Protein backbone atom coordinates (compact mmCIF):
# COMPACT_ATOMS: atom_id res chain seq x y z
CA MET A 1 8.33 45.06 25.48
CA TYR A 2 5.37 43.01 24.53
CA THR A 3 4.65 42.43 20.76
CA THR A 4 1.45 41.03 19.43
CA ARG A 5 1.37 38.67 16.53
CA THR A 6 -1.76 37.98 14.46
CA LEU A 7 -1.94 35.10 12.14
CA LEU A 8 -3.46 35.87 8.74
CA PRO A 9 -4.63 33.16 6.71
CA THR A 10 -2.94 32.69 3.41
CA ARG A 11 -6.07 32.91 1.48
CA LEU A 12 -8.86 35.31 2.59
CA PRO A 13 -12.36 34.00 1.80
CA GLN A 14 -14.60 36.06 -0.17
CA ARG A 15 -17.02 38.09 1.72
CA GLY A 16 -20.27 36.90 0.57
CA ALA A 17 -19.14 33.17 0.95
CA THR A 18 -18.58 33.90 4.47
CA LYS A 19 -21.98 35.41 5.50
CA ALA A 20 -23.56 32.47 3.55
CA ALA A 21 -21.61 29.86 5.40
CA LEU A 22 -22.50 31.63 8.94
CA ARG A 23 -26.35 31.50 7.92
CA ARG A 24 -26.27 28.03 7.02
CA LEU A 25 -24.42 27.03 10.33
CA GLN A 26 -27.07 29.03 12.31
CA THR A 27 -30.12 27.35 10.64
CA GLU A 28 -28.61 23.79 11.14
CA ASP A 29 -28.29 24.32 14.81
CA ALA A 30 -31.73 26.19 15.38
CA GLY A 31 -33.95 24.26 17.87
CA GLN A 32 -31.14 21.57 18.97
CA SER A 33 -30.97 23.08 22.51
CA SER A 34 -34.81 22.92 22.81
CA VAL A 35 -35.23 19.21 22.18
CA LEU A 36 -32.21 18.65 24.71
CA ILE A 37 -33.91 20.85 27.20
CA LEU A 38 -37.13 19.13 26.80
CA GLY A 39 -35.58 15.61 27.08
CA MET A 40 -33.85 16.37 30.35
CA LEU A 41 -37.13 18.02 31.59
CA LEU A 42 -38.76 14.72 30.90
CA VAL A 43 -36.45 12.70 32.62
CA VAL A 44 -36.51 15.00 35.59
CA LEU A 45 -40.41 14.65 35.68
CA LEU A 46 -40.09 10.89 35.44
CA LEU A 47 -37.53 10.79 38.41
CA VAL A 48 -40.04 12.96 40.55
CA ALA A 49 -43.08 10.71 39.62
CA VAL A 50 -41.12 7.47 40.55
CA MET A 51 -39.87 9.23 43.82
CA ALA A 52 -43.33 10.39 44.78
CA GLY A 53 -44.74 6.96 43.99
CA ALA A 54 -42.19 4.94 45.95
CA THR A 55 -42.82 7.47 48.91
CA ALA A 56 -46.66 6.95 48.69
CA VAL A 57 -46.42 3.26 48.74
CA ASN A 58 -44.01 3.21 51.72
CA LEU A 59 -46.48 5.59 53.85
CA GLU A 60 -49.48 3.39 53.15
CA ALA A 61 -47.54 0.34 53.92
CA ARG A 62 -46.57 2.00 57.32
CA LYS A 63 -50.22 2.89 58.04
CA LEU A 64 -51.46 -0.49 57.03
CA LEU A 65 -49.00 -2.00 59.39
CA SER A 66 -50.25 0.22 62.14
CA ALA A 67 -53.73 -1.29 61.64
CA ALA A 68 -52.40 -4.79 61.44
CA ASP A 69 -50.74 -4.15 64.81
CA GLY A 70 -54.00 -2.98 66.31
CA ALA A 71 -55.99 -5.94 64.87
CA ALA A 72 -53.33 -8.51 66.00
CA SER A 73 -53.47 -6.71 69.65
CA ALA A 74 -57.25 -6.86 69.61
CA ALA A 75 -57.23 -10.60 68.72
CA ALA A 76 -54.65 -11.28 71.48
CA GLN A 77 -56.74 -9.57 74.01
CA ALA A 78 -59.94 -11.55 73.15
CA ALA A 79 -58.18 -14.73 74.34
CA GLU A 80 -60.12 -17.05 76.69
CA GLN A 81 -58.83 -19.13 79.41
CA GLY A 82 -59.63 -22.72 78.56
CA ALA A 83 -60.02 -25.91 80.45
CA SER A 84 -56.77 -27.18 79.05
CA GLY A 85 -54.56 -24.98 81.15
CA PRO A 86 -54.09 -21.78 83.09
CA THR A 87 -52.75 -19.78 79.97
CA PRO A 88 -55.41 -18.00 78.05
CA ARG A 89 -55.44 -19.27 74.33
CA VAL A 90 -56.88 -18.00 71.17
CA SER A 91 -58.24 -19.75 68.07
CA SER A 92 -57.66 -18.83 64.29
CA ASP A 93 -61.29 -18.22 63.91
CA GLN A 94 -61.17 -15.95 66.98
CA VAL A 95 -58.25 -14.03 65.58
CA ARG A 96 -60.12 -13.49 62.14
CA ALA A 97 -63.09 -12.27 63.88
CA GLN A 98 -61.38 -9.98 66.19
CA ALA A 99 -59.37 -8.56 63.39
CA GLN A 100 -62.31 -7.87 61.08
CA ASN A 101 -64.23 -6.40 64.02
CA TYR A 102 -61.22 -4.23 64.92
CA LEU A 103 -60.82 -2.93 61.28
CA THR A 104 -64.54 -2.08 61.08
CA VAL A 105 -64.73 -0.24 64.32
CA SER A 106 -61.57 1.58 63.63
CA GLY A 107 -62.73 2.71 60.36
CA ALA A 108 -59.69 1.40 58.47
CA HIS A 109 -61.88 0.17 55.58
CA GLY A 110 -62.44 3.95 54.83
CA ARG A 111 -58.82 4.68 54.91
CA PHE A 112 -57.45 1.78 52.58
CA ASP A 113 -58.68 0.54 49.18
CA ASP A 114 -59.49 -3.17 48.85
CA LEU A 115 -58.61 -3.80 52.54
CA VAL A 116 -59.01 -7.48 53.32
CA VAL A 117 -57.89 -9.79 56.14
CA SER A 118 -55.96 -12.12 53.81
CA ARG A 119 -54.60 -14.51 56.43
CA THR A 120 -54.88 -15.24 60.13
CA TRP A 121 -53.26 -18.06 62.21
CA VAL A 122 -51.86 -18.98 65.67
CA THR A 123 -48.74 -20.29 66.89
CA ASP A 124 -47.16 -21.44 70.29
CA ALA A 125 -50.21 -23.49 70.94
CA GLY A 126 -52.57 -20.46 70.70
CA GLU A 127 -50.39 -17.99 72.63
CA THR A 128 -49.57 -15.93 69.39
CA ALA A 129 -52.30 -14.38 67.13
CA HIS A 130 -50.88 -13.52 63.52
CA VAL A 131 -52.74 -11.19 61.28
CA GLU A 132 -51.90 -10.48 57.45
CA LEU A 133 -53.49 -7.59 55.97
CA ALA A 134 -53.74 -6.53 52.25
CA ALA A 135 -54.68 -3.39 50.48
CA VAL A 136 -54.24 -1.49 47.35
CA VAL A 137 -52.34 1.85 46.80
CA ASP A 138 -52.96 4.39 44.17
CA LEU A 139 -49.78 5.93 42.79
CA PRO A 140 -50.00 9.67 43.11
CA MET A 141 -48.82 11.24 39.74
CA VAL A 142 -49.44 8.24 37.49
CA SER A 143 -52.86 7.65 38.63
CA VAL A 144 -54.12 10.60 36.74
CA ILE A 145 -52.78 9.21 33.33
CA LEU A 146 -53.03 5.51 33.97
CA PRO A 147 -54.95 3.47 36.70
CA ALA A 148 -51.79 2.41 38.43
CA GLN A 149 -52.33 0.54 41.72
CA VAL A 150 -49.83 -1.26 43.54
CA PRO A 151 -50.83 -4.15 46.04
CA ILE A 152 -49.23 -4.38 49.51
CA SER A 153 -49.60 -6.56 52.38
CA VAL A 154 -48.19 -6.48 55.96
CA GLU A 155 -48.03 -9.13 58.90
CA SER A 156 -48.39 -8.47 62.47
CA HIS A 157 -48.46 -10.68 65.57
CA ALA A 158 -49.22 -10.13 68.90
CA ARG A 159 -48.83 -12.61 72.09
CA VAL A 160 -51.49 -13.29 74.77
CA SER A 161 -50.33 -12.23 78.10
CA LEU A 162 -51.69 -13.09 81.60
CA ASN A 163 -51.64 -10.45 84.25
CA ARG A 164 -52.07 -11.79 87.80
């Protein structure tokens, strides 16, 4: 058979003192969970803003890389066969002109903020054209409050080929 045992305090508190102590405990804790919830909500919102910003920068960098690939390819296709040999060659000035022309024709200046051809050069005696583009990305959630912009730059190269 089971027996239950209750532990009684040796001294019983007074009835009025218990109610007052309970009221005091309730008023001391009032609003504490609201502050905690608001703090956690702020941390979550900041985390979402950082992730959205990083994703936006990554996507814009990939789009800019695609434009740089096209500009480098256009520069390599504009190579001219010179008197120095049978292989077509391209100069740094030709690479810059063709890259800027490609960006204008393709409408890349409308897709990117502050788009510039920052650097062009050739290697392998004029057989490889290198193009470096730079632009600015606005951060999606932060730019509403602050003018937050991130500069990005990409580099691409294309090799001149001769088909006979």
